[in-house]
């Protein structure tokens, strides 16, 4: 054999140990051996449990050698064969160490089976329990950070709070305006169809005012903010997780909950009641537009609306808006903080934030309505 030609020799030392001697130049301009040849020899010697790779006879080398060594390493790992190296060039030894430091990602062997197993009652209960435990842990960290903020010891910047207030408030005026006017018009149309049967179209003002103040103003604002701000929080924090920015903040001794989450939560809790008041006003105006098209005089509409207007209705909507804001901000920040470190994971975090927020909003809305009904408010 030419001394510069690449090759290998598998030598059986004992019944369960073998040595792989690499020889010559393992470069791209040489006809280097394919791993399939070594694969066949290893399979024919099924008793081998330890493999020692020797590079004492190696000359020049490049990525061709590394590809061969990596295939050899993966085969040994897959077949529970001990893999060791000896007398490899320093550069090759370090590259192999880096390449094998993290195990290769393994896809599920049977995705259909995994999907079906997730439908089992025990798996469903375990997933709910794990999610609830993680949620309680996150809320505990938020509570501790809020206590530190009250004590003046939190690493929360006022500049961040002002920025998030602007993003969640004035930045949402356009979409809130459109949705609120249309919702008010829809309420008026629905009520007018039924009230017209009794010749009581004027009472459409009562329906619009009560429905908007107590329910639709806060609810539709919350749904819009869940899709807009909640998803934005999850995307921002998820991207920071991908770029290792959150790890850098932790390394500097700063709590990410205090520095990133608390300003977002406080900003949304402050802005949501103001947006709800704005949405209520536009919803009543939207109902007035429909009432005017039905022949109801604007002054008559205003008089009828003012008669049913009360602080009780306004308070119910504002209380809901504060609860909804807290739930949206927590869902968005939690999804972002717990996001994976890939673009796909960031997208999943945004989706999870919106879906979770809407579920929280619906459950909280039903619970608040029941509570207020029981106390007669």
Protein backbone atom coordinates (compact mmCIF):
# COMPACT_ATOMS: atom_id res chain seq x y z
CA UNK A 1 0.00 0.00 0.00
CA UNK A 2 1.20 3.56 -0.78
CA UNK A 3 2.36 5.16 2.46
CA UNK A 4 0.33 8.27 1.68
CA UNK A 5 -2.87 6.39 0.86
CA UNK A 6 -5.59 6.55 3.48
CA UNK A 7 -6.84 3.38 5.06
CA UNK A 8 -7.71 1.61 8.28
CA UNK A 9 -7.16 -1.75 9.90
CA UNK A 10 -9.45 -3.34 12.50
CA UNK A 11 -7.42 -5.48 14.89
CA UNK A 12 -9.14 -7.72 17.42
CA UNK A 13 -7.16 -7.53 20.66
CA UNK A 14 -9.33 -9.79 22.82
CA UNK A 15 -12.75 -11.37 22.57
CA UNK A 16 -14.53 -8.09 23.31
CA UNK A 17 -11.90 -5.44 22.51
CA UNK A 18 -10.66 -4.19 19.15
CA UNK A 19 -8.32 -1.47 17.84
CA UNK A 20 -8.98 0.65 14.77
CA UNK A 21 -5.67 1.82 13.27
CA UNK A 22 -5.95 4.78 10.89
CA UNK A 23 -3.19 5.22 8.29
CA UNK A 24 -2.05 7.68 5.64
CA UNK A 25 -3.52 10.96 4.43
CA UNK A 26 -7.21 11.43 5.18
CA UNK A 27 -7.86 14.38 2.86
CA UNK A 28 -10.42 15.19 0.21
CA UNK A 29 -7.94 14.69 -2.65
CA UNK A 30 -7.37 11.10 -1.51
CA UNK A 31 -9.73 8.16 -2.09
CA UNK A 32 -10.55 7.74 1.61
CA UNK A 33 -12.30 4.55 2.77
CA UNK A 34 -16.05 4.67 3.24
CA UNK A 35 -17.51 3.97 6.66
CA UNK A 36 -19.63 1.18 5.15
CA UNK A 37 -16.54 -1.04 5.05
CA UNK A 38 -15.86 -0.58 8.76
CA UNK A 39 -19.57 -0.94 9.45
CA UNK A 40 -19.58 -4.40 7.86
CA UNK A 41 -16.51 -5.51 9.84
CA UNK A 42 -17.98 -4.30 13.12
CA UNK A 43 -21.25 -6.08 12.46
CA UNK A 44 -19.42 -9.31 11.66
CA UNK A 45 -17.61 -9.05 15.03
CA UNK A 46 -20.71 -8.65 17.19
CA UNK A 47 -18.78 -9.58 20.34
CA UNK A 48 -16.80 -6.31 20.28
CA UNK A 49 -17.77 -4.13 23.23
CA UNK A 50 -14.81 -1.72 23.28
CA UNK A 51 -13.20 0.07 20.34
CA UNK A 52 -9.90 1.98 20.52
CA UNK A 53 -9.19 4.32 17.60
CA UNK A 54 -5.45 4.91 17.05
CA UNK A 55 -4.10 7.75 14.94
CA UNK A 56 -0.39 7.06 15.39
CA UNK A 57 0.05 6.32 11.66
CA UNK A 58 -1.96 9.32 10.43
CA UNK A 59 -0.32 11.91 8.19
CA UNK A 60 -2.38 14.79 6.78
CA UNK A 61 -6.08 15.09 7.54
CA UNK A 62 -9.10 17.33 7.05
CA UNK A 63 -12.89 17.09 7.40
CA UNK A 64 -12.84 13.70 5.68
CA UNK A 65 -11.26 12.18 8.77
CA UNK A 66 -13.69 13.97 11.07
CA UNK A 67 -16.72 12.69 9.15
CA UNK A 68 -15.38 9.13 9.39
CA UNK A 69 -14.65 9.42 13.11
CA UNK A 70 -18.06 10.91 13.83
CA UNK A 71 -19.81 8.07 11.99
CA UNK A 72 -17.73 5.59 13.94
CA UNK A 73 -18.58 7.31 17.22
CA UNK A 74 -22.32 7.36 16.44
CA UNK A 75 -22.27 3.66 15.53
CA UNK A 76 -20.55 2.76 18.78
CA UNK A 77 -22.97 4.87 20.80
CA UNK A 78 -25.99 3.32 19.08
CA UNK A 79 -24.71 -0.23 19.74
CA UNK A 80 -23.45 0.30 23.31
CA UNK A 81 -19.80 -0.05 22.30
CA UNK A 82 -17.19 1.81 24.29
CA UNK A 83 -15.39 4.38 22.13
CA UNK A 84 -11.89 5.69 22.89
CA UNK A 85 -9.22 7.52 20.91
CA UNK A 86 -5.45 7.40 21.10
CA UNK A 87 -2.67 9.41 19.43
CA UNK A 88 -5.04 11.47 17.31
CA UNK A 89 -3.81 14.92 16.19
CA UNK A 90 -4.65 17.60 18.75
CA UNK A 91 -6.95 19.45 16.34
CA UNK A 92 -8.87 16.29 15.44
CA UNK A 93 -9.22 15.36 19.10
CA UNK A 94 -10.71 18.76 19.98
CA UNK A 95 -13.06 18.78 16.99
CA UNK A 96 -14.33 15.33 17.85
CA UNK A 97 -14.88 16.38 21.45
CA UNK A 98 -16.93 19.39 20.33
CA UNK A 99 -18.92 17.35 17.79
CA UNK A 100 -19.88 14.71 20.35
CA UNK A 101 -20.46 17.02 23.32
CA UNK A 102 -24.22 17.19 22.69
CA UNK A 103 -26.25 14.16 21.71
CA UNK A 104 -27.98 14.32 18.35
CA UNK A 105 -31.69 15.14 18.40
CA UNK A 106 -33.79 12.01 18.15
CA UNK A 107 -37.24 12.16 16.57
CA UNK A 108 -40.00 10.11 18.21
CA UNK A 109 -39.99 6.60 16.82
CA UNK A 110 -43.76 6.43 16.54
CA UNK A 111 -45.42 9.84 16.46
CA UNK A 112 -48.90 8.32 16.12
CA UNK A 113 -48.36 6.26 19.25
CA UNK A 114 -47.11 9.32 21.15
CA UNK A 115 -50.13 11.31 20.00
CA UNK A 116 -52.54 8.58 21.10
CA UNK A 117 -50.80 8.14 24.44
CA UNK A 118 -51.25 11.87 25.13
CA UNK A 119 -55.02 11.32 25.05
CA UNK A 120 -54.97 8.90 27.97
CA UNK A 121 -56.64 10.21 31.16
CA UNK A 122 -53.49 9.88 33.28
CA UNK A 123 -51.35 11.75 30.77
CA UNK A 124 -53.96 14.49 30.56
CA UNK A 125 -54.13 14.81 34.34
CA UNK A 126 -50.33 14.82 34.67
CA UNK A 127 -50.02 17.55 32.04
CA UNK A 128 -52.61 19.68 33.83
CA UNK A 129 -50.87 19.14 37.18
CA UNK A 130 -47.46 20.04 35.74
CA UNK A 131 -48.85 23.16 34.06
CA UNK A 132 -50.64 24.26 37.22
CA UNK A 133 -47.50 23.74 39.30
CA UNK A 134 -45.43 25.77 36.86
CA UNK A 135 -48.10 28.50 36.82
CA UNK A 136 -48.08 28.72 40.63
CA UNK A 137 -44.28 28.94 40.62
CA UNK A 138 -44.38 31.79 38.10
CA UNK A 139 -47.05 33.65 40.07
CA UNK A 140 -44.98 33.19 43.21
CA UNK A 141 -41.99 34.82 41.54
CA UNK A 142 -44.20 37.67 40.31
CA UNK A 143 -45.60 38.18 43.81
CA UNK A 144 -42.10 38.32 45.31
CA UNK A 145 -41.01 40.81 42.64
CA UNK A 146 -44.04 43.01 43.34
CA UNK A 147 -43.26 42.93 47.08
CA UNK A 148 -39.70 44.04 46.32
CA UNK A 149 -41.05 46.81 44.09
CA UNK A 150 -43.25 48.10 46.90
CA UNK A 151 -40.24 47.98 49.25
CA UNK A 152 -38.14 49.87 46.67
CA UNK A 153 -35.68 47.00 46.18
CA UNK A 154 -36.71 45.72 42.74
CA UNK A 155 -34.62 46.14 39.59
CA UNK A 156 -37.55 47.67 37.68
CA UNK A 157 -36.89 50.69 35.48
CA UNK A 158 -39.47 53.47 35.13
CA UNK A 159 -38.37 54.11 31.54
CA UNK A 160 -39.40 50.58 30.59
CA UNK A 161 -42.76 51.06 32.30
CA UNK A 162 -43.42 54.26 30.33
CA UNK A 163 -42.46 52.58 27.06
CA UNK A 164 -44.81 49.66 27.63
CA UNK A 165 -47.62 52.02 28.65
CA UNK A 166 -47.27 53.82 25.32
CA UNK A 167 -47.11 50.58 23.34
CA UNK A 168 -50.20 49.15 25.04
CA UNK A 169 -52.16 52.42 25.18
CA UNK A 170 -51.93 55.00 22.37
CA UNK A 171 -50.59 52.33 20.03
CA UNK A 172 -53.87 50.41 20.37
CA UNK A 173 -56.26 53.32 19.82
CA UNK A 174 -56.91 52.57 16.15
CA UNK A 175 -57.95 48.94 16.52
CA UNK A 176 -59.87 49.61 19.76
CA UNK A 177 -61.78 52.44 18.08
CA UNK A 178 -62.81 50.31 15.13
CA UNK A 179 -63.85 47.30 17.20
CA UNK A 180 -65.73 49.34 19.82
CA UNK A 181 -67.84 51.29 17.31
CA UNK A 182 -68.71 48.12 15.42
CA UNK A 183 -69.60 46.22 18.61
CA UNK A 184 -71.86 49.08 19.71
CA UNK A 185 -73.59 49.04 16.32
CA UNK A 186 -74.02 45.27 16.48
CA UNK A 187 -75.57 45.49 19.95
CA UNK A 188 -77.97 48.17 18.76
CA UNK A 189 -78.99 46.17 15.68
CA UNK A 190 -79.60 43.01 17.70
CA UNK A 191 -81.67 44.87 20.27
CA UNK A 192 -83.60 46.86 17.69
CA UNK A 193 -84.78 43.75 15.88
CA UNK A 194 -86.45 42.44 19.03
CA UNK A 195 -87.63 45.76 20.50
CA UNK A 196 -89.24 46.81 17.22
CA UNK A 197 -91.78 44.01 17.68
CA UNK A 198 -93.11 45.87 20.74
CA UNK A 199 -92.67 49.40 19.42
CA UNK A 200 -89.98 50.07 22.04
CA UNK A 201 -87.06 50.97 19.80
CA UNK A 202 -86.09 53.82 22.11
CA UNK A 203 -84.98 51.29 24.73
CA UNK A 204 -82.14 50.25 22.44
CA UNK A 205 -80.15 52.93 24.26
CA UNK A 206 -80.59 51.04 27.54
CA UNK A 207 -79.41 47.81 25.93
CA UNK A 208 -76.36 49.41 24.37
CA UNK A 209 -75.29 51.29 27.49
CA UNK A 210 -75.73 48.40 29.93
CA UNK A 211 -74.27 45.81 27.56
CA UNK A 212 -71.27 47.96 26.69
CA UNK A 213 -70.45 49.15 30.21
CA UNK A 214 -70.86 45.83 31.98
CA UNK A 215 -69.72 43.36 29.34
CA UNK A 216 -68.76 44.14 25.77
CA UNK A 217 -66.49 47.13 26.37
CA UNK A 218 -64.16 45.31 28.75
CA UNK A 219 -64.47 41.93 27.01
CA UNK A 220 -63.74 43.09 23.45
CA UNK A 221 -60.91 45.32 24.63
CA UNK A 222 -59.40 42.34 26.45
CA UNK A 223 -59.69 40.07 23.41
CA UNK A 224 -58.02 42.69 21.21
CA UNK A 225 -55.24 43.25 23.74
CA UNK A 226 -54.71 39.51 24.12
CA UNK A 227 -54.06 39.19 20.40
CA UNK A 228 -52.04 42.39 20.23
CA UNK A 229 -50.16 42.98 23.47
CA UNK A 230 -50.21 39.49 24.98
CA UNK A 231 -48.70 38.00 21.83
CA UNK A 232 -46.19 40.87 21.67
CA UNK A 233 -45.02 40.16 25.23
CA UNK A 234 -44.56 36.47 24.44
CA UNK A 235 -42.68 37.22 21.22
CA UNK A 236 -40.40 39.81 22.81
CA UNK A 237 -39.43 37.61 25.75
CA UNK A 238 -39.22 34.50 23.57
CA UNK A 239 -36.81 36.26 21.21
CA UNK A 240 -34.72 37.38 24.17
CA UNK A 241 -34.65 33.76 25.33
CA UNK A 242 -33.48 32.66 21.88
CA UNK A 243 -30.71 35.28 21.84
CA UNK A 244 -29.57 34.33 25.37
CA UNK A 245 -30.38 37.85 26.58
CA UNK A 246 -32.34 36.54 29.57
CA UNK A 247 -29.39 34.32 30.52
CA UNK A 248 -27.16 37.39 30.35
CA UNK A 249 -29.52 39.29 32.67
CA UNK A 250 -29.46 36.41 35.15
CA UNK A 251 -25.64 36.25 34.93
CA UNK A 252 -25.49 39.93 35.95
CA UNK A 253 -27.47 39.06 39.08
CA UNK A 254 -30.71 40.70 37.91
CA UNK A 255 -34.05 38.94 38.20
CA UNK A 256 -35.74 38.73 34.78
CA UNK A 257 -39.12 38.82 36.53
CA UNK A 258 -38.30 42.18 38.12
CA UNK A 259 -36.55 43.61 35.07
CA UNK A 260 -38.74 42.30 32.22
CA UNK A 261 -42.07 41.01 33.51
CA UNK A 262 -43.15 43.50 36.20
CA UNK A 263 -43.00 46.61 33.94
CA UNK A 264 -45.13 44.86 31.33
CA UNK A 265 -47.73 43.69 33.86
CA UNK A 266 -48.03 47.10 35.55
CA UNK A 267 -48.24 48.92 32.21
CA UNK A 268 -51.11 46.77 30.96
CA UNK A 269 -52.94 46.92 34.31
CA UNK A 270 -52.75 50.72 34.20
CA UNK A 271 -53.70 51.13 30.55
CA UNK A 272 -56.55 48.59 30.26
CA UNK A 273 -59.11 50.51 32.40
CA UNK A 274 -58.41 53.66 30.37
CA UNK A 275 -58.84 51.75 27.11
CA UNK A 276 -62.06 50.24 28.46
CA UNK A 277 -63.49 53.69 29.24
CA UNK A 278 -62.53 54.78 25.73
CA UNK A 279 -64.13 51.64 24.26
CA UNK A 280 -67.31 52.20 26.29
CA UNK A 281 -67.68 55.72 24.96
CA UNK A 282 -67.19 54.66 21.35
CA UNK A 283 -69.51 51.67 21.79
CA UNK A 284 -72.31 53.99 22.99
CA UNK A 285 -71.63 56.30 20.05
CA UNK A 286 -71.79 53.32 17.67
CA UNK A 287 -75.17 52.37 19.15
CA UNK A 288 -76.33 55.96 18.70
CA UNK A 289 -75.46 55.81 15.00
CA UNK A 290 -77.74 52.80 14.57
CA UNK A 291 -80.46 54.42 16.69
CA UNK A 292 -80.32 57.50 14.48
CA UNK A 293 -80.80 55.35 11.39
CA UNK A 294 -83.97 53.96 13.02
CA UNK A 295 -85.48 57.42 13.44
CA UNK A 296 -84.61 57.91 17.11
CA UNK A 297 -83.68 61.51 17.83
CA UNK A 298 -80.09 61.96 19.13
CA UNK A 299 -81.31 63.94 22.15
CA UNK A 300 -83.82 61.23 22.94
CA UNK A 301 -81.08 58.62 22.70
CA UNK A 302 -78.83 60.62 25.02
CA UNK A 303 -81.64 61.17 27.51
CA UNK A 304 -82.55 57.48 27.55
CA UNK A 305 -78.90 56.45 27.86
CA UNK A 306 -78.21 58.86 30.74
CA UNK A 307 -81.17 57.44 32.61
CA UNK A 308 -79.64 53.97 32.78
CA UNK A 309 -76.07 55.15 33.24
CA UNK A 310 -74.78 54.37 36.76
CA UNK A 311 -71.50 53.96 38.61
CA UNK A 312 -72.39 50.33 39.33
CA UNK A 313 -72.31 49.44 35.62
CA UNK A 314 -69.12 51.44 35.09
CA UNK A 315 -67.42 49.82 38.09
CA UNK A 316 -68.23 46.31 36.91
CA UNK A 317 -66.56 46.96 33.56
CA UNK A 318 -63.50 48.59 35.14
CA UNK A 319 -63.03 45.75 37.63
CA UNK A 320 -63.22 43.27 34.78
CA UNK A 321 -60.68 45.26 32.77
CA UNK A 322 -58.13 45.17 35.60
CA UNK A 323 -58.56 41.40 36.07
CA UNK A 324 -58.35 40.81 32.31
CA UNK A 325 -55.21 42.95 32.06
CA UNK A 326 -53.49 40.96 34.80
CA UNK A 327 -54.41 37.65 33.16
CA UNK A 328 -53.27 38.77 29.68
CA UNK A 329 -49.94 40.11 30.92
CA UNK A 330 -49.23 37.01 33.03
CA UNK A 331 -50.12 34.65 30.18
CA UNK A 332 -47.97 36.53 27.67
CA UNK A 333 -44.93 36.95 29.92
CA UNK A 334 -45.13 33.36 31.17
CA UNK A 335 -45.24 31.99 27.63
CA UNK A 336 -42.28 34.15 26.61
CA UNK A 337 -40.12 33.40 29.65
CA UNK A 338 -40.70 29.65 29.22
CA UNK A 339 -40.18 29.72 25.45
CA UNK A 340 -37.70 27.43 23.73
CA UNK A 341 -34.61 28.69 21.94
CA UNK A 342 -35.73 28.56 18.32
CA UNK A 343 -37.87 30.57 15.93
CA UNK A 344 -40.52 27.83 15.95
CA UNK A 345 -40.62 27.93 19.77
CA UNK A 346 -41.15 31.71 19.71
CA UNK A 347 -44.10 31.26 17.37
CA UNK A 348 -45.53 28.57 19.63
CA UNK A 349 -45.10 30.88 22.63
CA UNK A 350 -47.05 33.65 20.89
CA UNK A 351 -49.84 31.22 20.00
CA UNK A 352 -49.92 29.84 23.52
CA UNK A 353 -50.10 33.37 24.97
CA UNK A 354 -53.14 34.32 22.87
CA UNK A 355 -55.03 31.06 23.39
CA UNK A 356 -54.31 30.98 27.12
CA UNK A 357 -55.28 34.63 27.54
CA UNK A 358 -58.63 34.18 25.82
CA UNK A 359 -59.40 31.09 27.89
CA UNK A 360 -58.49 32.98 31.07
CA UNK A 361 -60.66 35.93 29.99
CA UNK A 362 -63.74 33.81 29.33
CA UNK A 363 -63.43 31.91 32.60
CA UNK A 364 -62.80 35.08 34.60
CA UNK A 365 -65.68 36.89 32.90
CA UNK A 366 -68.12 34.13 33.79
CA UNK A 367 -66.85 33.98 37.37
CA UNK A 368 -67.08 37.76 37.85
CA UNK A 369 -70.61 37.86 36.44
CA UNK A 370 -71.71 35.15 38.87
CA UNK A 371 -70.11 36.96 41.81
CA UNK A 372 -71.74 40.29 40.95
CA UNK A 373 -75.09 38.60 40.45
CA UNK A 374 -74.87 37.00 43.89
CA UNK A 375 -74.01 40.31 45.59
CA UNK A 376 -76.70 42.14 43.60
CA UNK A 377 -74.41 44.54 41.81
